[in-house]
Amino acid sequence: MIFFYTSFEYSNKATFFAIFMDLLAYGFTITGIVFFILAGKLGAWSVLAGFLFIALAIFFYFFLGKKVGSVIAKKDFKKKIRTNPIVAYNYVNDGRASYDEIAAINPAFAEMYVVNDFGKLTRRKK
């Protein structure tokens, strides 16, 4: 079985939330399919229940997993880029911002890392 999930690069909290919502969506999808299969034995209400579970799966996967997860990721990233030197290091090392820009907003990052003569981030020697 192939499992697709939503991941956020700089926010583990948002990634775990999105994966949990994706797992719930997969469970709702399987439940909806089971209700469709059992429609002959259980009756017409089973088809309606199947559509309800499929609709819940779509809501949990696309709205909660992706939209709400991205809102959580943005809030978490704004906090981490100012307080966590490792996240700031990864962000600068990935080329998404300059060292001076991030060092100005994250003093712990500026205290731990420096740009060497070759333009690479290195840990400061104490």
PDB file of N, CA and C in Angstrom:
ATOM      1  N   MET A   1       0.840  -1.177   0.000  1.00  0.00           N
ATOM      2  CA  MET A   1       0.000   0.000   0.000  1.00  0.00           C
ATOM      3  C   MET A   1       0.892   1.249   0.000  1.00  0.00           C
ATOM      4  N   ILE A   2       0.546   2.173  -0.839  1.00  0.00           N
ATOM      5  CA  ILE A   2       1.290   3.420  -0.932  1.00  0.00           C
ATOM      6  C   ILE A   2       0.622   4.442  -0.018  1.00  0.00           C
ATOM      7  N   PHE A   3       1.441   5.150   0.729  1.00  0.00           N
ATOM      8  CA  PHE A   3       0.918   6.153   1.652  1.00  0.00           C
ATOM      9  C   PHE A   3       1.483   7.508   1.279  1.00  0.00           C
ATOM     10  N   PHE A   4       0.607   8.419   0.870  1.00  0.00           N
ATOM     11  CA  PHE A   4       0.996   9.793   0.584  1.00  0.00           C
ATOM     12  C   PHE A   4       0.686  10.631   1.812  1.00  0.00           C
ATOM     13  N   TYR A   5       1.619  11.499   2.173  1.00  0.00           N
ATOM     14  CA  TYR A   5       1.383  12.349   3.332  1.00  0.00           C
ATOM     15  C   TYR A   5       1.952  13.736   3.078  1.00  0.00           C
ATOM     16  N   THR A   6       1.488  14.683   3.869  1.00  0.00           N
ATOM     17  CA  THR A   6       1.915  16.062   3.754  1.00  0.00           C
ATOM     18  C   THR A   6       3.063  16.302   4.731  1.00  0.00           C
ATOM     19  N   SER A   7       4.107  16.965   4.256  1.00  0.00           N
ATOM     20  CA  SER A   7       5.268  17.233   5.086  1.00  0.00           C
ATOM     21  C   SER A   7       5.616  18.715   4.997  1.00  0.00           C
ATOM     22  N   PHE A   8       6.028  19.280   6.125  1.00  0.00           N
ATOM     23  CA  PHE A   8       6.458  20.675   6.175  1.00  0.00           C
ATOM     24  C   PHE A   8       7.913  20.685   6.610  1.00  0.00           C
ATOM     25  N   GLU A   9       8.744  21.345   5.829  1.00  0.00           N
ATOM     26  CA  GLU A   9      10.198  21.227   5.964  1.00  0.00           C
ATOM     27  C   GLU A   9      10.741  21.701   7.314  1.00  0.00           C
ATOM     28  N   TYR A  10      10.272  22.822   7.806  1.00  0.00           N
ATOM     29  CA  TYR A  10      10.854  23.399   9.020  1.00  0.00           C
ATOM     30  C   TYR A  10       9.953  23.285  10.242  1.00  0.00           C
ATOM     31  N   SER A  11       8.887  22.494  10.159  1.00  0.00           N
ATOM     32  CA  SER A  11       7.963  22.389  11.284  1.00  0.00           C
ATOM     33  C   SER A  11       7.550  20.935  11.504  1.00  0.00           C
ATOM     34  N   ASN A  12       8.130  20.317  12.517  1.00  0.00           N
ATOM     35  CA  ASN A  12       7.744  18.946  12.852  1.00  0.00           C
ATOM     36  C   ASN A  12       6.339  18.883  13.411  1.00  0.00           C
ATOM     37  N   LYS A  13       5.958  19.907  14.156  1.00  0.00           N
ATOM     38  CA  LYS A  13       4.623  19.937  14.745  1.00  0.00           C
ATOM     39  C   LYS A  13       3.554  19.897  13.650  1.00  0.00           C
ATOM     40  N   ALA A  14       3.708  20.708  12.629  1.00  0.00           N
ATOM     41  CA  ALA A  14       2.740  20.747  11.533  1.00  0.00           C
ATOM     42  C   ALA A  14       2.780  19.448  10.727  1.00  0.00           C
ATOM     43  N   THR A  15       3.960  18.870  10.571  1.00  0.00           N
ATOM     44  CA  THR A  15       4.070  17.607   9.838  1.00  0.00           C
ATOM     45  C   THR A  15       3.354  16.492  10.577  1.00  0.00           C
ATOM     46  N   PHE A  16       3.533  16.390  11.891  1.00  0.00           N
ATOM     47  CA  PHE A  16       2.841  15.356  12.661  1.00  0.00           C
ATOM     48  C   PHE A  16       1.330  15.558  12.620  1.00  0.00           C
ATOM     49  N   PHE A  17       0.882  16.804  12.711  1.00  0.00           N
ATOM     50  CA  PHE A  17      -0.545  17.103  12.619  1.00  0.00           C
ATOM     51  C   PHE A  17      -1.085  16.670  11.256  1.00  0.00           C
ATOM     52  N   ALA A  18      -0.369  17.022  10.189  1.00  0.00           N
ATOM     53  CA  ALA A  18      -0.822  16.688   8.838  1.00  0.00           C
ATOM     54  C   ALA A  18      -0.835  15.174   8.618  1.00  0.00           C
ATOM     55  N   ILE A  19       0.174  14.472   9.115  1.00  0.00           N
ATOM     56  CA  ILE A  19       0.200  13.017   8.960  1.00  0.00           C
ATOM     57  C   ILE A  19      -0.956  12.382   9.717  1.00  0.00           C
ATOM     58  N   PHE A  20      -1.257  12.878  10.907  1.00  0.00           N
ATOM     59  CA  PHE A  20      -2.395  12.349  11.668  1.00  0.00           C
ATOM     60  C   PHE A  20      -3.704  12.580  10.905  1.00  0.00           C
ATOM     61  N   MET A  21      -3.867  13.766  10.329  1.00  0.00           N
ATOM     62  CA  MET A  21      -5.077  14.057   9.550  1.00  0.00           C
ATOM     63  C   MET A  21      -5.133  13.185   8.292  1.00  0.00           C
ATOM     64  N   ASP A  22      -3.985  12.935   7.672  1.00  0.00           N
ATOM     65  CA  ASP A  22      -3.934  12.075   6.495  1.00  0.00           C
ATOM     66  C   ASP A  22      -4.304  10.638   6.844  1.00  0.00           C
ATOM     67  N   LEU A  23      -3.816  10.164   7.993  1.00  0.00           N
ATOM     68  CA  LEU A  23      -4.181   8.810   8.435  1.00  0.00           C
ATOM     69  C   LEU A  23      -5.680   8.698   8.699  1.00  0.00           C
ATOM     70  N   LEU A  24      -6.252   9.712   9.330  1.00  0.00           N
ATOM     71  CA  LEU A  24      -7.701   9.702   9.538  1.00  0.00           C
ATOM     72  C   LEU A  24      -8.448   9.705   8.205  1.00  0.00           C
ATOM     73  N   ALA A  25      -7.945  10.473   7.249  1.00  0.00           N
ATOM     74  CA  ALA A  25      -8.570  10.519   5.926  1.00  0.00           C
ATOM     75  C   ALA A  25      -8.512   9.147   5.250  1.00  0.00           C
ATOM     76  N   TYR A  26      -7.379   8.468   5.352  1.00  0.00           N
ATOM     77  CA  TYR A  26      -7.282   7.134   4.781  1.00  0.00           C
ATOM     78  C   TYR A  26      -8.244   6.168   5.464  1.00  0.00           C
ATOM     79  N   GLY A  27      -8.377   6.273   6.776  1.00  0.00           N
ATOM     80  CA  GLY A  27      -9.334   5.439   7.498  1.00  0.00           C
ATOM     81  C   GLY A  27     -10.766   5.703   7.065  1.00  0.00           C
ATOM     82  N   PHE A  28     -11.117   6.970   6.895  1.00  0.00           N
ATOM     83  CA  PHE A  28     -12.459   7.314   6.423  1.00  0.00           C
ATOM     84  C   PHE A  28     -12.694   6.800   5.004  1.00  0.00           C
ATOM     85  N   THR A  29     -11.678   6.844   4.173  1.00  0.00           N
ATOM     86  CA  THR A  29     -11.811   6.348   2.800  1.00  0.00           C
ATOM     87  C   THR A  29     -12.067   4.844   2.789  1.00  0.00           C
ATOM     88  N   ILE A  30     -11.303   4.109   3.583  1.00  0.00           N
ATOM     89  CA  ILE A  30     -11.492   2.655   3.651  1.00  0.00           C
ATOM     90  C   ILE A  30     -12.871   2.321   4.207  1.00  0.00           C
ATOM     91  N   THR A  31     -13.301   3.065   5.232  1.00  0.00           N
ATOM     92  CA  THR A  31     -14.628   2.849   5.801  1.00  0.00           C
ATOM     93  C   THR A  31     -15.708   3.136   4.766  1.00  0.00           C
ATOM     94  N   GLY A  32     -15.560   4.196   3.994  1.00  0.00           N
ATOM     95  CA  GLY A  32     -16.532   4.521   2.943  1.00  0.00           C
ATOM     96  C   GLY A  32     -16.594   3.443   1.889  1.00  0.00           C
ATOM     97  N   ILE A  33     -15.437   2.909   1.505  1.00  0.00           N
ATOM     98  CA  ILE A  33     -15.420   1.833   0.513  1.00  0.00           C
ATOM     99  C   ILE A  33     -16.099   0.587   1.054  1.00  0.00           C
ATOM    100  N   VAL A  34     -15.871   0.280   2.326  1.00  0.00           N
ATOM    101  CA  VAL A  34     -16.522  -0.878   2.948  1.00  0.00           C
ATOM    102  C   VAL A  34     -18.041  -0.694   2.951  1.00  0.00           C
ATOM    103  N   PHE A  35     -18.508   0.519   3.244  1.00  0.00           N
ATOM    104  CA  PHE A  35     -19.950   0.761   3.211  1.00  0.00           C
ATOM    105  C   PHE A  35     -20.506   0.611   1.795  1.00  0.00           C
ATOM    106  N   PHE A  36     -19.757   1.015   0.787  1.00  0.00           N
ATOM    107  CA  PHE A  36     -20.206   0.836  -0.597  1.00  0.00           C
ATOM    108  C   PHE A  36     -20.293  -0.646  -0.956  1.00  0.00           C
ATOM    109  N   ILE A  37     -19.305  -1.425  -0.500  1.00  0.00           N
ATOM    110  CA  ILE A  37     -19.300  -2.855  -0.792  1.00  0.00           C
ATOM    111  C   ILE A  37     -20.458  -3.564  -0.098  1.00  0.00           C
ATOM    112  N   LEU A  38     -20.754  -3.136   1.119  1.00  0.00           N
ATOM    113  CA  LEU A  38     -21.830  -3.780   1.891  1.00  0.00           C
ATOM    114  C   LEU A  38     -23.217  -3.202   1.580  1.00  0.00           C
ATOM    115  N   ALA A  39     -23.325  -2.372   0.568  1.00  0.00           N
ATOM    116  CA  ALA A  39     -24.614  -1.739   0.252  1.00  0.00           C
ATOM    117  C   ALA A  39     -25.686  -2.767  -0.100  1.00  0.00           C
ATOM    118  N   GLY A  40     -25.311  -3.876  -0.725  1.00  0.00           N
ATOM    119  CA  GLY A  40     -26.290  -4.909  -1.074  1.00  0.00           C
ATOM    120  C   GLY A  40     -26.897  -5.571   0.149  1.00  0.00           C
ATOM    121  N   LYS A  41     -26.128  -5.737   1.194  1.00  0.00           N
ATOM    122  CA  LYS A  41     -26.615  -6.398   2.406  1.00  0.00           C
ATOM    123  C   LYS A  41     -27.264  -5.421   3.376  1.00  0.00           C
ATOM    124  N   LEU A  42     -26.711  -4.224   3.511  1.00  0.00           N
ATOM    125  CA  LEU A  42     -27.172  -3.285   4.533  1.00  0.00           C
ATOM    126  C   LEU A  42     -28.258  -2.328   4.044  1.00  0.00           C
ATOM    127  N   GLY A  43     -28.370  -2.142   2.762  1.00  0.00           N
ATOM    128  CA  GLY A  43     -29.431  -1.283   2.239  1.00  0.00           C
ATOM    129  C   GLY A  43     -28.916   0.065   1.765  1.00  0.00           C
ATOM    130  N   ALA A  44     -29.880   0.935   1.437  1.00  0.00           N
ATOM    131  CA  ALA A  44     -29.576   2.230   0.828  1.00  0.00           C
ATOM    132  C   ALA A  44     -28.844   3.170   1.790  1.00  0.00           C
ATOM    133  N   TRP A  45     -29.092   3.059   3.071  1.00  0.00           N
ATOM    134  CA  TRP A  45     -28.410   3.955   4.015  1.00  0.00           C
ATOM    135  C   TRP A  45     -26.899   3.738   3.990  1.00  0.00           C
ATOM    136  N   SER A  46     -26.490   2.533   3.605  1.00  0.00           N
ATOM    137  CA  SER A  46     -25.070   2.229   3.526  1.00  0.00           C
ATOM    138  C   SER A  46     -24.374   3.071   2.444  1.00  0.00           C
ATOM    139  N   VAL A  47     -25.061   3.332   1.327  1.00  0.00           N
ATOM    140  CA  VAL A  47     -24.497   4.166   0.264  1.00  0.00           C
ATOM    141  C   VAL A  47     -24.343   5.597   0.768  1.00  0.00           C
ATOM    142  N   LEU A  48     -25.347   6.089   1.487  1.00  0.00           N
ATOM    143  CA  LEU A  48     -25.259   7.438   2.049  1.00  0.00           C
ATOM    144  C   LEU A  48     -24.122   7.543   3.066  1.00  0.00           C
ATOM    145  N   ALA A  49     -23.978   6.520   3.893  1.00  0.00           N
ATOM    146  CA  ALA A  49     -22.882   6.511   4.862  1.00  0.00           C
ATOM    147  C   ALA A  49     -21.538   6.470   4.138  1.00  0.00           C
ATOM    148  N   GLY A  50     -21.458   5.727   3.051  1.00  0.00           N
ATOM    149  CA  GLY A  50     -20.222   5.669   2.267  1.00  0.00           C
ATOM    150  C   GLY A  50     -19.855   7.032   1.703  1.00  0.00           C
ATOM    151  N   PHE A  51     -20.848   7.750   1.149  1.00  0.00           N
ATOM    152  CA  PHE A  51     -20.584   9.100   0.640  1.00  0.00           C
ATOM    153  C   PHE A  51     -20.176  10.049   1.763  1.00  0.00           C
ATOM    154  N   LEU A  52     -20.776   9.903   2.926  1.00  0.00           N
ATOM    155  CA  LEU A  52     -20.419  10.739   4.071  1.00  0.00           C
ATOM    156  C   LEU A  52     -18.961  10.512   4.481  1.00  0.00           C
ATOM    157  N   PHE A  53     -18.558   9.253   4.546  1.00  0.00           N
ATOM    158  CA  PHE A  53     -17.177   8.954   4.934  1.00  0.00           C
ATOM    159  C   PHE A  53     -16.172   9.428   3.877  1.00  0.00           C
ATOM    160  N   ILE A  54     -16.526   9.326   2.604  1.00  0.00           N
ATOM    161  CA  ILE A  54     -15.648   9.827   1.544  1.00  0.00           C
ATOM    162  C   ILE A  54     -15.535  11.349   1.645  1.00  0.00           C
ATOM    163  N   ALA A  55     -16.661  12.033   1.928  1.00  0.00           N
ATOM    164  CA  ALA A  55     -16.630  13.490   2.093  1.00  0.00           C
ATOM    165  C   ALA A  55     -15.777  13.878   3.295  1.00  0.00           C
ATOM    166  N   LEU A  56     -15.884  13.131   4.390  1.00  0.00           N
ATOM    167  CA  LEU A  56     -15.037  13.380   5.561  1.00  0.00           C
ATOM    168  C   LEU A  56     -13.560  13.176   5.226  1.00  0.00           C
ATOM    169  N   ALA A  57     -13.260  12.163   4.432  1.00  0.00           N
ATOM    170  CA  ALA A  57     -11.875  11.905   4.040  1.00  0.00           C
ATOM    171  C   ALA A  57     -11.314  13.071   3.234  1.00  0.00           C
ATOM    172  N   ILE A  58     -12.094  13.591   2.315  1.00  0.00           N
ATOM    173  CA  ILE A  58     -11.650  14.732   1.509  1.00  0.00           C
ATOM    174  C   ILE A  58     -11.429  15.951   2.399  1.00  0.00           C
ATOM    175  N   PHE A  59     -12.345  16.195   3.343  1.00  0.00           N
ATOM    176  CA  PHE A  59     -12.219  17.327   4.261  1.00  0.00           C
ATOM    177  C   PHE A  59     -10.969  17.193   5.123  1.00  0.00           C
ATOM    178  N   PHE A  60     -10.744  16.018   5.688  1.00  0.00           N
ATOM    179  CA  PHE A  60      -9.588  15.824   6.568  1.00  0.00           C
ATOM    180  C   PHE A  60      -8.283  15.901   5.799  1.00  0.00           C
ATOM    181  N   TYR A  61      -8.241  15.361   4.584  1.00  0.00           N
ATOM    182  CA  TYR A  61      -6.987  15.350   3.830  1.00  0.00           C
ATOM    183  C   TYR A  61      -6.650  16.730   3.284  1.00  0.00           C
ATOM    184  N   PHE A  62      -7.594  17.343   2.577  1.00  0.00           N
ATOM    185  CA  PHE A  62      -7.276  18.593   1.897  1.00  0.00           C
ATOM    186  C   PHE A  62      -7.392  19.822   2.792  1.00  0.00           C
ATOM    187  N   PHE A  63      -8.432  19.890   3.608  1.00  0.00           N
ATOM    188  CA  PHE A  63      -8.592  21.089   4.421  1.00  0.00           C
ATOM    189  C   PHE A  63      -7.739  21.033   5.682  1.00  0.00           C
ATOM    190  N   LEU A  64      -7.947  20.015   6.497  1.00  0.00           N
ATOM    191  CA  LEU A  64      -7.218  19.956   7.772  1.00  0.00           C
ATOM    192  C   LEU A  64      -5.747  19.615   7.563  1.00  0.00           C
ATOM    193  N   GLY A  65      -5.463  18.631   6.733  1.00  0.00           N
ATOM    194  CA  GLY A  65      -4.077  18.212   6.547  1.00  0.00           C
ATOM    195  C   GLY A  65      -3.225  19.240   5.839  1.00  0.00           C
ATOM    196  N   LYS A  66      -3.758  19.855   4.810  1.00  0.00           N
ATOM    197  CA  LYS A  66      -2.955  20.777   4.010  1.00  0.00           C
ATOM    198  C   LYS A  66      -3.136  22.232   4.419  1.00  0.00           C
ATOM    199  N   LYS A  67      -4.369  22.705   4.499  1.00  0.00           N
ATOM    200  CA  LYS A  67      -4.602  24.130   4.789  1.00  0.00           C
ATOM    201  C   LYS A  67      -4.278  24.469   6.244  1.00  0.00           C
ATOM    202  N   VAL A  68      -4.864  23.750   7.177  1.00  0.00           N
ATOM    203  CA  VAL A  68      -4.613  24.031   8.597  1.00  0.00           C
ATOM    204  C   VAL A  68      -3.165  23.673   8.947  1.00  0.00           C
ATOM    205  N   GLY A  69      -2.640  22.619   8.349  1.00  0.00           N
ATOM    206  CA  GLY A  69      -1.244  22.257   8.572  1.00  0.00           C
ATOM    207  C   GLY A  69      -0.286  23.350   8.125  1.00  0.00           C
ATOM    208  N   SER A  70      -0.590  24.005   7.003  1.00  0.00           N
ATOM    209  CA  SER A  70       0.294  25.078   6.545  1.00  0.00           C
ATOM    210  C   SER A  70       0.207  26.304   7.446  1.00  0.00           C
ATOM    211  N   VAL A  71      -0.965  26.563   8.023  1.00  0.00           N
ATOM    212  CA  VAL A  71      -1.095  27.671   8.980  1.00  0.00           C
ATOM    213  C   VAL A  71      -0.266  27.377  10.234  1.00  0.00           C
ATOM    214  N   ILE A  72      -0.340  26.146  10.714  1.00  0.00           N
ATOM    215  CA  ILE A  72       0.459  25.744  11.876  1.00  0.00           C
ATOM    216  C   ILE A  72       1.947  25.850  11.553  1.00  0.00           C
ATOM    217  N   ALA A  73       2.331  25.437  10.347  1.00  0.00           N
ATOM    218  CA  ALA A  73       3.743  25.490   9.946  1.00  0.00           C
ATOM    219  C   ALA A  73       4.252  26.926   9.890  1.00  0.00           C
ATOM    220  N   LYS A  74       3.450  27.838   9.376  1.00  0.00           N
ATOM    221  CA  LYS A  74       3.869  29.245   9.307  1.00  0.00           C
ATOM    222  C   LYS A  74       4.090  29.824  10.697  1.00  0.00           C
ATOM    223  N   LYS A  75       3.154  29.569  11.602  1.00  0.00           N
ATOM    224  CA  LYS A  75       3.294  30.085  12.971  1.00  0.00           C
ATOM    225  C   LYS A  75       4.502  29.457  13.666  1.00  0.00           C
ATOM    226  N   ASP A  76       4.671  28.164  13.491  1.00  0.00           N
ATOM    227  CA  ASP A  76       5.781  27.466  14.124  1.00  0.00           C
ATOM    228  C   ASP A  76       7.121  27.944  13.553  1.00  0.00           C
ATOM    229  N   PHE A  77       7.176  28.173  12.242  1.00  0.00           N
ATOM    230  CA  PHE A  77       8.412  28.628  11.616  1.00  0.00           C
ATOM    231  C   PHE A  77       8.780  30.037  12.075  1.00  0.00           C
ATOM    232  N   LYS A  78       7.799  30.916  12.180  1.00  0.00           N
ATOM    233  CA  LYS A  78       8.081  32.283  12.633  1.00  0.00           C
ATOM    234  C   LYS A  78       8.696  32.277  14.028  1.00  0.00           C
ATOM    235  N   LYS A  79       8.228  31.374  14.872  1.00  0.00           N
ATOM    236  CA  LYS A  79       8.780  31.276  16.225  1.00  0.00           C
ATOM    237  C   LYS A  79      10.183  30.655  16.193  1.00  0.00           C
ATOM    238  N   LYS A  80      10.340  29.567  15.437  1.00  0.00           N
ATOM    239  CA  LYS A  80      11.611  28.847  15.420  1.00  0.00           C
ATOM    240  C   LYS A  80      12.735  29.632  14.759  1.00  0.00           C
ATOM    241  N   ILE A  81      12.434  30.416  13.727  1.00  0.00           N
ATOM    242  CA  ILE A  81      13.501  31.139  13.030  1.00  0.00           C
ATOM    243  C   ILE A  81      14.105  32.201  13.936  1.00  0.00           C
ATOM    244  N   ARG A  82      13.353  32.648  14.935  1.00  0.00           N
ATOM    245  CA  ARG A  82      13.845  33.663  15.867  1.00  0.00           C
ATOM    246  C   ARG A  82      14.491  33.065  17.111  1.00  0.00           C
ATOM    247  N   THR A  83      14.216  31.809  17.419  1.00  0.00           N
ATOM    248  CA  THR A  83      14.686  31.241  18.672  1.00  0.00           C
ATOM    249  C   THR A  83      15.588  30.022  18.517  1.00  0.00           C
ATOM    250  N   ASN A  84      15.436  29.249  17.470  1.00  0.00           N
ATOM    251  CA  ASN A  84      16.161  27.990  17.328  1.00  0.00           C
ATOM    252  C   ASN A  84      17.340  28.155  16.360  1.00  0.00           C
ATOM    253  N   PRO A  85      18.571  28.035  16.830  1.00  0.00           N
ATOM    254  CA  PRO A  85      19.718  28.227  15.945  1.00  0.00           C
ATOM    255  C   PRO A  85      19.859  27.132  14.884  1.00  0.00           C
ATOM    256  N   ILE A  86      19.387  25.938  15.157  1.00  0.00           N
ATOM    257  CA  ILE A  86      19.510  24.849  14.186  1.00  0.00           C
ATOM    258  C   ILE A  86      18.582  25.088  12.992  1.00  0.00           C
ATOM    259  N   VAL A  87      17.370  25.530  13.263  1.00  0.00           N
ATOM    260  CA  VAL A  87      16.439  25.853  12.174  1.00  0.00           C
ATOM    261  C   VAL A  87      16.986  27.024  11.358  1.00  0.00           C
ATOM    262  N   ALA A  88      17.529  28.012  12.027  1.00  0.00           N
ATOM    263  CA  ALA A  88      18.117  29.153  11.323  1.00  0.00           C
ATOM    264  C   ALA A  88      19.304  28.705  10.477  1.00  0.00           C
ATOM    265  N   TYR A  89      20.140  27.820  11.011  1.00  0.00           N
ATOM    266  CA  TYR A  89      21.277  27.289  10.262  1.00  0.00           C
ATOM    267  C   TYR A  89      20.807  26.577   8.994  1.00  0.00           C
ATOM    268  N   ASN A  90      19.812  25.696   9.131  1.00  0.00           N
ATOM    269  CA  ASN A  90      19.291  24.972   7.974  1.00  0.00           C
ATOM    270  C   ASN A  90      18.685  25.917   6.946  1.00  0.00           C
ATOM    271  N   TYR A  91      18.002  26.933   7.415  1.00  0.00           N
ATOM    272  CA  TYR A  91      17.359  27.900   6.523  1.00  0.00           C
ATOM    273  C   TYR A  91      18.406  28.683   5.728  1.00  0.00           C
ATOM    274  N   VAL A  92      19.456  29.113   6.385  1.00  0.00           N
ATOM    275  CA  VAL A  92      20.521  29.851   5.698  1.00  0.00           C
ATOM    276  C   VAL A  92      21.322  28.897   4.804  1.00  0.00           C
ATOM    277  N   ASN A  93      21.601  27.711   5.289  1.00  0.00           N
ATOM    278  CA  ASN A  93      22.377  26.741   4.530  1.00  0.00           C
ATOM    279  C   ASN A  93      21.643  26.282   3.263  1.00  0.00           C
ATOM    280  N   ASP A  94      20.325  26.284   3.295  1.00  0.00           N
ATOM    281  CA  ASP A  94      19.531  25.932   2.113  1.00  0.00           C
ATOM    282  C   ASP A  94      19.476  27.068   1.100  1.00  0.00           C
ATOM    283  N   GLY A  95      19.998  28.224   1.475  1.00  0.00           N
ATOM    284  CA  GLY A  95      20.055  29.348   0.557  1.00  0.00           C
ATOM    285  C   GLY A  95      18.790  30.174   0.493  1.00  0.00           C
ATOM    286  N   ARG A  96      17.963  30.078   1.508  1.00  0.00           N
ATOM    287  CA  ARG A  96      16.693  30.809   1.503  1.00  0.00           C
ATOM    288  C   ARG A  96      16.809  32.205   2.089  1.00  0.00           C
ATOM    289  N   ALA A  97      17.879  32.467   2.787  1.00  0.00           N
ATOM    290  CA  ALA A  97      18.116  33.796   3.368  1.00  0.00           C
ATOM    291  C   ALA A  97      19.614  33.966   3.562  1.00  0.00           C
ATOM    292  N   SER A  98      20.016  35.204   3.760  1.00  0.00           N
ATOM    293  CA  SER A  98      21.434  35.460   3.982  1.00  0.00           C
ATOM    294  C   SER A  98      21.762  35.338   5.469  1.00  0.00           C
ATOM    295  N   TYR A  99      23.031  35.141   5.739  1.00  0.00           N
ATOM    296  CA  TYR A  99      23.486  35.015   7.121  1.00  0.00           C
ATOM    297  C   TYR A  99      23.169  36.285   7.909  1.00  0.00           C
ATOM    298  N   ASP A 100      23.458  37.446   7.312  1.00  0.00           N
ATOM    299  CA  ASP A 100      23.246  38.717   8.022  1.00  0.00           C
ATOM    300  C   ASP A 100      21.779  38.934   8.370  1.00  0.00           C
ATOM    301  N   GLU A 101      20.904  38.543   7.471  1.00  0.00           N
ATOM    302  CA  GLU A 101      19.463  38.717   7.692  1.00  0.00           C
ATOM    303  C   GLU A 101      18.982  37.885   8.887  1.00  0.00           C
ATOM    304  N   ILE A 102      19.384  36.636   8.939  1.00  0.00           N
ATOM    305  CA  ILE A 102      18.935  35.751  10.013  1.00  0.00           C
ATOM    306  C   ILE A 102      19.688  36.040  11.313  1.00  0.00           C
ATOM    307  N   ALA A 103      20.947  36.409  11.226  1.00  0.00           N
ATOM    308  CA  ALA A 103      21.714  36.740  12.435  1.00  0.00           C
ATOM    309  C   ALA A 103      21.134  37.964  13.131  1.00  0.00           C
ATOM    310  N   ALA A 104      20.520  38.854  12.371  1.00  0.00           N
ATOM    311  CA  ALA A 104      19.921  40.044  12.975  1.00  0.00           C
ATOM    312  C   ALA A 104      18.682  39.709  13.799  1.00  0.00           C
ATOM    313  N   ILE A 105      17.972  38.651  13.439  1.00  0.00           N
ATOM    314  CA  ILE A 105      16.740  38.323  14.182  1.00  0.00           C
ATOM    315  C   ILE A 105      16.929  37.171  15.163  1.00  0.00           C
ATOM    316  N   ASN A 106      18.023  36.417  15.036  1.00  0.00           N
ATOM    317  CA  ASN A 106      18.262  35.280  15.927  1.00  0.00           C
ATOM    318  C   ASN A 106      19.660  35.389  16.540  1.00  0.00           C
ATOM    319  N   PRO A 107      19.751  35.975  17.739  1.00  0.00           N
ATOM    320  CA  PRO A 107      21.065  36.156  18.360  1.00  0.00           C
ATOM    321  C   PRO A 107      21.763  34.840  18.730  1.00  0.00           C
ATOM    322  N   ALA A 108      20.988  33.795  19.046  1.00  0.00           N
ATOM    323  CA  ALA A 108      21.614  32.509  19.373  1.00  0.00           C
ATOM    324  C   ALA A 108      22.296  31.917  18.144  1.00  0.00           C
ATOM    325  N   PHE A 109      21.700  32.106  16.984  1.00  0.00           N
ATOM    326  CA  PHE A 109      22.308  31.644  15.733  1.00  0.00           C
ATOM    327  C   PHE A 109      23.601  32.407  15.443  1.00  0.00           C
ATOM    328  N   ALA A 110      23.568  33.737  15.607  1.00  0.00           N
ATOM    329  CA  ALA A 110      24.749  34.562  15.361  1.00  0.00           C
ATOM    330  C   ALA A 110      25.872  34.230  16.335  1.00  0.00           C
ATOM    331  N   GLU A 111      25.500  33.802  17.534  1.00  0.00           N
ATOM    332  CA  GLU A 111      26.486  33.446  18.550  1.00  0.00           C
ATOM    333  C   GLU A 111      27.149  32.101  18.257  1.00  0.00           C
ATOM    334  N   MET A 112      26.400  31.180  17.624  1.00  0.00           N
ATOM    335  CA  MET A 112      26.911  29.830  17.374  1.00  0.00           C
ATOM    336  C   MET A 112      27.617  29.676  16.030  1.00  0.00           C
ATOM    337  N   TYR A 113      27.185  30.427  15.007  1.00  0.00           N
ATOM    338  CA  TYR A 113      27.694  30.204  13.658  1.00  0.00           C
ATOM    339  C   TYR A 113      28.260  31.484  13.062  1.00  0.00           C
ATOM    340  N   VAL A 114      29.199  31.305  12.123  1.00  0.00           N
ATOM    341  CA  VAL A 114      29.817  32.415  11.415  1.00  0.00           C
ATOM    342  C   VAL A 114      30.095  31.962   9.982  1.00  0.00           C
ATOM    343  N   VAL A 115      30.166  32.895   9.061  1.00  0.00           N
ATOM    344  CA  VAL A 115      30.524  32.580   7.678  1.00  0.00           C
ATOM    345  C   VAL A 115      32.046  32.612   7.569  1.00  0.00           C
ATOM    346  N   ASN A 116      32.632  31.527   7.048  1.00  0.00           N
ATOM    347  CA  ASN A 116      34.097  31.472   6.943  1.00  0.00           C
ATOM    348  C   ASN A 116      34.575  32.173   5.667  1.00  0.00           C
ATOM    349  N   ASP A 117      35.855  32.093   5.392  1.00  0.00           N
ATOM    350  CA  ASP A 117      36.454  32.768   4.235  1.00  0.00           C
ATOM    351  C   ASP A 117      35.941  32.228   2.900  1.00  0.00           C
ATOM    352  N   PHE A 118      35.438  31.010   2.903  1.00  0.00           N
ATOM    353  CA  PHE A 118      34.949  30.392   1.674  1.00  0.00           C
ATOM    354  C   PHE A 118      33.448  30.596   1.473  1.00  0.00           C
ATOM    355  N   GLY A 119      32.817  31.341   2.388  1.00  0.00           N
ATOM    356  CA  GLY A 119      31.392  31.619   2.276  1.00  0.00           C
ATOM    357  C   GLY A 119      30.491  30.530   2.833  1.00  0.00           C
ATOM    358  N   LYS A 120      31.049  29.611   3.584  1.00  0.00           N
ATOM    359  CA  LYS A 120      30.284  28.513   4.181  1.00  0.00           C
ATOM    360  C   LYS A 120      30.013  28.803   5.643  1.00  0.00           C
ATOM    361  N   LEU A 121      28.863  28.339   6.134  1.00  0.00           N
ATOM    362  CA  LEU A 121      28.554  28.473   7.556  1.00  0.00           C
ATOM    363  C   LEU A 121      29.374  27.455   8.350  1.00  0.00           C
ATOM    364  N   THR A 122      30.012  27.939   9.385  1.00  0.00           N
ATOM    365  CA  THR A 122      30.757  27.055  10.274  1.00  0.00           C
ATOM    366  C   THR A 122      30.450  27.433  11.718  1.00  0.00           C
ATOM    367  N   ARG A 123      30.653  26.481  12.578  1.00  0.00           N
ATOM    368  CA  ARG A 123      30.441  26.702  14.007  1.00  0.00           C
ATOM    369  C   ARG A 123      31.581  27.554  14.541  1.00  0.00           C
ATOM    370  N   ARG A 124      31.240  28.523  15.383  1.00  0.00           N
ATOM    371  CA  ARG A 124      32.266  29.383  15.988  1.00  0.00           C
ATOM    372  C   ARG A 124      33.123  28.585  16.946  1.00  0.00           C
ATOM    373  N   LYS A 125      34.372  28.896  16.975  1.00  0.00           N
ATOM    374  CA  LYS A 125      35.282  28.246  17.927  1.00  0.00           C
ATOM    375  C   LYS A 125      35.276  29.032  19.216  1.00  0.00           C
ATOM    376  N   LYS A 126      35.180  28.298  20.299  1.00  0.00           N
ATOM    377  CA  LYS A 126      35.103  28.967  21.605  1.00  0.00           C
ATOM    378  C   LYS A 126      36.420  28.900  22.308  1.00  0.00           C
TER     379      LYS A 126
END
